[in-house]
C-alpha atoms as a PDB file:
ATOM      1  CA  MET A   1      18.420   1.747  21.160  1.00  0.00           C
ATOM      2  CA  SER A   2      15.174   0.257  19.924  1.00  0.00           C
ATOM      3  CA  LYS A   3      13.940   0.626  16.381  1.00  0.00           C
ATOM      4  CA  LYS A   4      11.000   2.848  15.504  1.00  0.00           C
ATOM      5  CA  LYS A   5       7.760   0.954  14.909  1.00  0.00           C
ATOM      6  CA  MET A   6       6.678   1.347  11.263  1.00  0.00           C
ATOM      7  CA  LEU A   7       3.312   0.528   9.724  1.00  0.00           C
ATOM      8  CA  LEU A   8       3.874  -0.123   6.019  1.00  0.00           C
ATOM      9  CA  ASP A   9       0.864   0.175   3.723  1.00  0.00           C
ATOM     10  CA  ILE A  10       1.317  -2.493   1.070  1.00  0.00           C
ATOM     11  CA  CYS A  11      -0.538  -2.202  -2.195  1.00  0.00           C
ATOM     12  CA  CYS A  12       0.381  -5.813  -2.953  1.00  0.00           C
ATOM     13  CA  ALA A  13       2.905  -8.440  -1.915  1.00  0.00           C
ATOM     14  CA  PRO A  14       5.068  -8.124  -5.054  1.00  0.00           C
ATOM     15  CA  CYS A  15       5.603  -4.395  -4.520  1.00  0.00           C
ATOM     16  CA  ALA A  16       6.384  -4.922  -0.837  1.00  0.00           C
ATOM     17  CA  SER A  17       8.782  -7.772  -1.589  1.00  0.00           C
ATOM     18  CA  GLY A  18      11.332  -5.360  -3.041  1.00  0.00           C
ATOM     19  CA  ILE A  19      11.681  -3.212   0.075  1.00  0.00           C
ATOM     20  CA  ILE A  20      10.941  -5.298   3.166  1.00  0.00           C
ATOM     21  CA  GLU A  21      14.517  -6.455   3.730  1.00  0.00           C
ATOM     22  CA  GLU A  22      15.790  -2.868   3.616  1.00  0.00           C
ATOM     23  CA  LEU A  23      13.079  -1.498   5.918  1.00  0.00           C
ATOM     24  CA  LYS A  24      13.435  -4.365   8.424  1.00  0.00           C
ATOM     25  CA  GLN A  25      17.048  -3.311   9.007  1.00  0.00           C
ATOM     26  CA  GLU A  26      15.947   0.134  10.143  1.00  0.00           C
ATOM     27  CA  PHE A  27      12.451  -0.390  11.585  1.00  0.00           C
ATOM     28  CA  ASP A  28      10.335  -2.729  13.668  1.00  0.00           C
ATOM     29  CA  LEU A  29       8.096  -3.413  10.675  1.00  0.00           C
ATOM     30  CA  THR A  30       4.421  -4.350  10.451  1.00  0.00           C
ATOM     31  CA  LEU A  31       2.641  -4.704   7.108  1.00  0.00           C
ATOM     32  CA  TYR A  32      -0.783  -3.127   6.598  1.00  0.00           C
ATOM     33  CA  PHE A  33      -3.166  -4.440   3.929  1.00  0.00           C
ATOM     34  CA  HIS A  34      -6.383  -2.483   3.466  1.00  0.00           C
ATOM     35  CA  ASN A  35      -6.853  -2.119  -0.289  1.00  0.00           C
ATOM     36  CA  ALA A  36     -10.587  -1.435  -0.333  1.00  0.00           C
ATOM     37  CA  ASN A  37     -10.080  -0.282  -3.924  1.00  0.00           C
ATOM     38  CA  ILE A  38      -9.386  -3.796  -5.185  1.00  0.00           C
ATOM     39  CA  TYR A  39     -12.124  -5.365  -7.276  1.00  0.00           C
ATOM     40  CA  PRO A  40     -13.576  -7.976  -7.350  1.00  0.00           C
ATOM     41  CA  LYS A  41     -13.488  -9.668  -3.935  1.00  0.00           C
ATOM     42  CA  LYS A  42     -11.856 -12.746  -5.466  1.00  0.00           C
ATOM     43  CA  GLU A  43      -8.966 -10.509  -6.555  1.00  0.00           C
ATOM     44  CA  TRP A  44      -8.746  -8.944  -3.071  1.00  0.00           C
ATOM     45  CA  ASP A  45      -8.577 -12.468  -1.602  1.00  0.00           C
ATOM     46  CA  LYS A  46      -5.733 -13.515  -3.929  1.00  0.00           C
ATOM     47  CA  ARG A  47      -3.735 -10.412  -3.080  1.00  0.00           C
ATOM     48  CA  PHE A  48      -4.346 -10.807   0.651  1.00  0.00           C
ATOM     49  CA  GLU A  49      -3.245 -14.468   0.554  1.00  0.00           C
ATOM     50  CA  SER A  50      -0.068 -13.375  -1.207  1.00  0.00           C
ATOM     51  CA  ALA A  51       0.497 -10.695   1.457  1.00  0.00           C
ATOM     52  CA  GLU A  52       0.094 -13.354   4.152  1.00  0.00           C
ATOM     53  CA  LYS A  53       2.662 -15.520   2.387  1.00  0.00           C
ATOM     54  CA  LEU A  54       5.093 -12.587   2.229  1.00  0.00           C
ATOM     55  CA  ALA A  55       4.597 -11.682   5.890  1.00  0.00           C
ATOM     56  CA  LYS A  56       5.235 -15.266   6.920  1.00  0.00           C
ATOM     57  CA  HIS A  57       8.369 -15.477   4.746  1.00  0.00           C
ATOM     58  CA  TYR A  58       9.846 -12.358   6.357  1.00  0.00           C
ATOM     59  CA  ASP A  59       8.423 -13.088   9.814  1.00  0.00           C
ATOM     60  CA  VAL A  60       6.652  -9.742  10.094  1.00  0.00           C
ATOM     61  CA  PRO A  61       3.131  -9.074  11.371  1.00  0.00           C
ATOM     62  CA  LEU A  62       0.352  -8.325   8.882  1.00  0.00           C
ATOM     63  CA  LEU A  63      -2.620  -6.167   9.849  1.00  0.00           C
ATOM     64  CA  THR A  64      -5.859  -5.567   8.027  1.00  0.00           C
ATOM     65  CA  ASP A  65      -8.904  -3.644   9.150  1.00  0.00           C
ATOM     66  CA  ILE A  66     -11.209  -5.030   6.462  1.00  0.00           C
ATOM     67  CA  LYS A  67     -14.035  -6.805   8.237  1.00  0.00           C
ATOM     68  CA  SER A  68     -16.519  -6.555   5.379  1.00  0.00           C
ATOM     69  CA  TYR A  69     -15.120  -6.360   1.864  1.00  0.00           C
ATOM     70  CA  ASN A  70     -18.421  -5.124   0.410  1.00  0.00           C
ATOM     71  CA  LYS A  71     -18.787  -2.327   2.956  1.00  0.00           C
ATOM     72  CA  SER A  72     -15.142  -1.236   2.638  1.00  0.00           C
ATOM     73  CA  HIS A  73     -15.239  -1.279  -1.157  1.00  0.00           C
ATOM     74  CA  ALA A  74     -18.469   0.747  -1.146  1.00  0.00           C
ATOM     75  CA  GLN A  75     -16.832   3.343   1.128  1.00  0.00           C
ATOM     76  CA  TRP A  76     -13.852   3.579  -1.232  1.00  0.00           C
ATOM     77  CA  LYS A  77     -16.183   3.941  -4.249  1.00  0.00           C
ATOM     78  CA  GLY A  78     -17.990   6.744  -2.443  1.00  0.00           C
ATOM     79  CA  PHE A  79     -14.674   8.509  -1.841  1.00  0.00           C
ATOM     80  CA  VAL A  80     -13.699   8.419  -5.535  1.00  0.00           C
ATOM     81  CA  PHE A  81     -17.261   9.091  -6.750  1.00  0.00           C
ATOM     82  CA  GLY A  82     -17.313  11.498  -9.674  1.00  0.00           C
ATOM     83  CA  PHE A  83     -13.843  10.471 -10.842  1.00  0.00           C
ATOM     84  CA  GLU A  84     -14.689   7.043 -12.264  1.00  0.00           C
ATOM     85  CA  ASP A  85     -14.010   8.099 -15.869  1.00  0.00           C
ATOM     86  CA  GLU A  86     -10.641   9.713 -15.121  1.00  0.00           C
ATOM     87  CA  LYS A  87      -7.678   8.254 -16.948  1.00  0.00           C
ATOM     88  CA  GLU A  88      -5.321   5.998 -15.044  1.00  0.00           C
ATOM     89  CA  GLY A  89      -2.899   8.177 -13.088  1.00  0.00           C
ATOM     90  CA  GLY A  90      -5.385  11.072 -12.974  1.00  0.00           C
ATOM     91  CA  LYS A  91      -7.566  12.608 -10.277  1.00  0.00           C
ATOM     92  CA  ARG A  92      -9.240   9.285  -9.345  1.00  0.00           C
ATOM     93  CA  CYS A  93      -5.836   7.819  -8.495  1.00  0.00           C
ATOM     94  CA  GLU A  94      -4.978  10.920  -6.463  1.00  0.00           C
ATOM     95  CA  LYS A  95      -8.214  10.438  -4.492  1.00  0.00           C
ATOM     96  CA  CYS A  96      -7.364   6.761  -4.031  1.00  0.00           C
ATOM     97  CA  PHE A  97      -3.889   7.653  -2.674  1.00  0.00           C
ATOM     98  CA  GLU A  98      -5.553  10.073  -0.280  1.00  0.00           C
ATOM     99  CA  TYR A  99      -7.981   7.377   0.893  1.00  0.00           C
ATOM    100  CA  ARG A 100      -5.238   4.792   1.404  1.00  0.00           C
ATOM    101  CA  LEU A 101      -2.908   7.169   3.217  1.00  0.00           C
ATOM    102  CA  GLU A 102      -5.753   8.310   5.465  1.00  0.00           C
ATOM    103  CA  LYS A 103      -6.400   4.671   6.430  1.00  0.00           C
ATOM    104  CA  VAL A 104      -2.773   3.790   7.143  1.00  0.00           C
ATOM    105  CA  SER A 105      -2.020   7.038   9.004  1.00  0.00           C
ATOM    106  CA  HIS A 106      -5.162   6.619  11.122  1.00  0.00           C
ATOM    107  CA  ASN A 107      -4.220   3.050  12.023  1.00  0.00           C
ATOM    108  CA  ALA A 108      -0.592   3.964  12.667  1.00  0.00           C
ATOM    109  CA  LYS A 109      -1.631   6.704  15.077  1.00  0.00           C
ATOM    110  CA  ASN A 110      -4.304   4.636  16.842  1.00  0.00           C
ATOM    111  CA  LYS A 111      -2.090   1.565  17.179  1.00  0.00           C
ATOM    112  CA  ARG A 112       0.832   3.642  18.476  1.00  0.00           C
ATOM    113  CA  PHE A 113       3.279   3.234  15.622  1.00  0.00           C
ATOM    114  CA  ASP A 114       6.051   5.837  15.372  1.00  0.00           C
ATOM    115  CA  ILE A 115       6.001   6.161  11.611  1.00  0.00           C
ATOM    116  CA  PHE A 116       4.073   5.006   8.531  1.00  0.00           C
ATOM    117  CA  ALA A 117       4.974   4.465   4.879  1.00  0.00           C
ATOM    118  CA  THR A 118       3.545   3.084   1.666  1.00  0.00           C
ATOM    119  CA  THR A 119       4.823   0.827  -1.085  1.00  0.00           C
ATOM    120  CA  LEU A 120       2.870   2.771  -3.717  1.00  0.00           C
ATOM    121  CA  THR A 121       5.977   4.678  -4.830  1.00  0.00           C
ATOM    122  CA  ILE A 122       7.684   1.512  -6.089  1.00  0.00           C
ATOM    123  CA  SER A 123       5.475   1.438  -9.185  1.00  0.00           C
ATOM    124  CA  PRO A 124       6.778   3.179 -12.296  1.00  0.00           C
ATOM    125  CA  HIS A 125       3.124   4.072 -12.963  1.00  0.00           C
ATOM    126  CA  LYS A 126       2.644   6.008  -9.713  1.00  0.00           C
ATOM    127  CA  ASN A 127       3.563   9.631  -8.990  1.00  0.00           C
ATOM    128  CA  ALA A 128       5.933   9.406  -6.010  1.00  0.00           C
ATOM    129  CA  GLU A 129       6.024  13.185  -5.527  1.00  0.00           C
ATOM    130  CA  LEU A 130       2.230  13.317  -5.208  1.00  0.00           C
ATOM    131  CA  ILE A 131       2.082  10.266  -2.930  1.00  0.00           C
ATOM    132  CA  ASN A 132       4.753  11.723  -0.646  1.00  0.00           C
ATOM    133  CA  LYS A 133       2.972  15.079  -0.548  1.00  0.00           C
ATOM    134  CA  ILE A 134      -0.267  13.409   0.558  1.00  0.00           C
ATOM    135  CA  GLY A 135       1.615  11.218   3.051  1.00  0.00           C
ATOM    136  CA  LYS A 136       3.269  14.238   4.656  1.00  0.00           C
ATOM    137  CA  GLN A 137      -0.107  16.008   4.831  1.00  0.00           C
ATOM    138  CA  LYS A 138      -1.718  13.014   6.575  1.00  0.00           C
ATOM    139  CA  ALA A 139       1.243  12.754   8.952  1.00  0.00           C
ATOM    140  CA  LYS A 140       0.868  16.410   9.900  1.00  0.00           C
ATOM    141  CA  GLU A 141      -2.887  15.989  10.459  1.00  0.00           C
ATOM    142  CA  LYS A 142      -2.336  12.943  12.686  1.00  0.00           C
ATOM    143  CA  GLY A 143       0.798  14.115  14.472  1.00  0.00           C
ATOM    144  CA  ILE A 144       2.831  11.102  13.345  1.00  0.00           C
ATOM    145  CA  GLU A 145       5.897  10.703  11.140  1.00  0.00           C
ATOM    146  CA  PHE A 146       5.737   9.727   7.458  1.00  0.00           C
ATOM    147  CA  TYR A 147       8.597   7.919   5.706  1.00  0.00           C
ATOM    148  CA  GLU A 148       9.093   9.784   2.454  1.00  0.00           C
ATOM    149  CA  ALA A 149      10.510   7.608  -0.316  1.00  0.00           C
ATOM    150  CA  ASP A 150      10.582   6.892  -4.008  1.00  0.00           C
ATOM    151  CA  PHE A 151      11.094   3.149  -3.825  1.00  0.00           C
ATOM    152  CA  LYS A 152      11.320   2.740  -7.611  1.00  0.00           C
ATOM    153  CA  LYS A 153      14.737   4.442  -7.561  1.00  0.00           C
ATOM    154  CA  LYS A 154      17.888   2.290  -7.526  1.00  0.00           C
ATOM    155  CA  ASN A 155      16.060  -0.414  -9.532  1.00  0.00           C
ATOM    156  CA  GLY A 156      13.456  -0.812  -6.796  1.00  0.00           C
ATOM    157  CA  PHE A 157      10.722  -1.936  -9.167  1.00  0.00           C
ATOM    158  CA  LYS A 158      13.024  -4.482 -10.839  1.00  0.00           C
ATOM    159  CA  LYS A 159      14.024  -5.804  -7.402  1.00  0.00           C
ATOM    160  CA  SER A 160      10.354  -6.235  -6.522  1.00  0.00           C
ATOM    161  CA  VAL A 161       9.654  -8.126  -9.760  1.00  0.00           C
ATOM    162  CA  ASP A 162      12.654 -10.412  -9.244  1.00  0.00           C
ATOM    163  CA  LYS A 163      11.890 -11.038  -5.563  1.00  0.00           C
ATOM    164  CA  SER A 164       8.208 -11.734  -6.189  1.00  0.00           C
ATOM    165  CA  LYS A 165       9.166 -14.300  -8.840  1.00  0.00           C
ATOM    166  CA  GLU A 166      11.655 -15.889  -6.447  1.00  0.00           C
ATOM    167  CA  LEU A 167       8.980 -16.133  -3.740  1.00  0.00           C
ATOM    168  CA  ASN A 168       6.310 -17.227  -6.238  1.00  0.00           C
ATOM    169  CA  LEU A 169       3.937 -14.424  -5.219  1.00  0.00           C
ATOM    170  CA  TYR A 170       0.701 -13.752  -7.059  1.00  0.00           C
ATOM    171  CA  ARG A 171       1.294 -10.855  -9.441  1.00  0.00           C
ATOM    172  CA  GLN A 172      -1.773  -9.000 -10.667  1.00  0.00           C
ATOM    173  CA  THR A 173      -2.269  -7.551 -14.150  1.00  0.00           C
ATOM    174  CA  TYR A 174      -3.959  -4.266 -13.161  1.00  0.00           C
ATOM    175  CA  CYS A 175      -3.733  -1.726 -10.362  1.00  0.00           C
ATOM    176  CA  GLY A 176      -6.785  -2.957  -8.537  1.00  0.00           C
ATOM    177  CA  CYS A 177     -10.027  -1.051  -8.977  1.00  0.00           C
ATOM    178  CA  GLU A 178     -12.723  -1.857 -11.475  1.00  0.00           C
ATOM    179  CA  TYR A 179     -11.889   1.351 -13.329  1.00  0.00           C
ATOM    180  CA  SER A 180      -8.316   0.186 -14.009  1.00  0.00           C
ATOM    181  CA  ILE A 181      -9.002  -3.382 -15.132  1.00  0.00           C
ATOM    182  CA  ASN A 182      -8.822  -2.751 -18.862  1.00  0.00           C
ATOM    183  CA  LYS A 183      -6.822   0.488 -18.924  1.00  0.00           C
END
């Protein structure tokens, strides 16, 4: 019996590093790096290079649909417009989750994956219940399966920190957008 094809939205290589081994056992895994929220472009480049390093280490494909960073970032900013002054973890982040999960679910459906997931729930700063709710909603809209998880459980975040250190992955100091840099 063949494994289901999963498209895994990765917010960054360190977060993905803690769960890839587990997911590879169950799924035919492909990593997806969009992250139009990340600012500035130099930061996006560092995180993408780290994602490439991780994909190579685990011998898994890495997809991105970012052709123009400036255009993609502007689209993301338009989506969260009006929520720039929200506190970290507030409505702006909810809109960002919605944007990201729309992108990964769209790509999963169009590229004929069976299921999609996100690493966002590995962070102790992210609301896994909310992320899973949005993921299930996007899955229903697209007619594709969503892998519901709270990856921070069972020391998931600690595993990701340890694994990213072991693999010498670039580890950022803020979530990604310009509104979270100094929060």
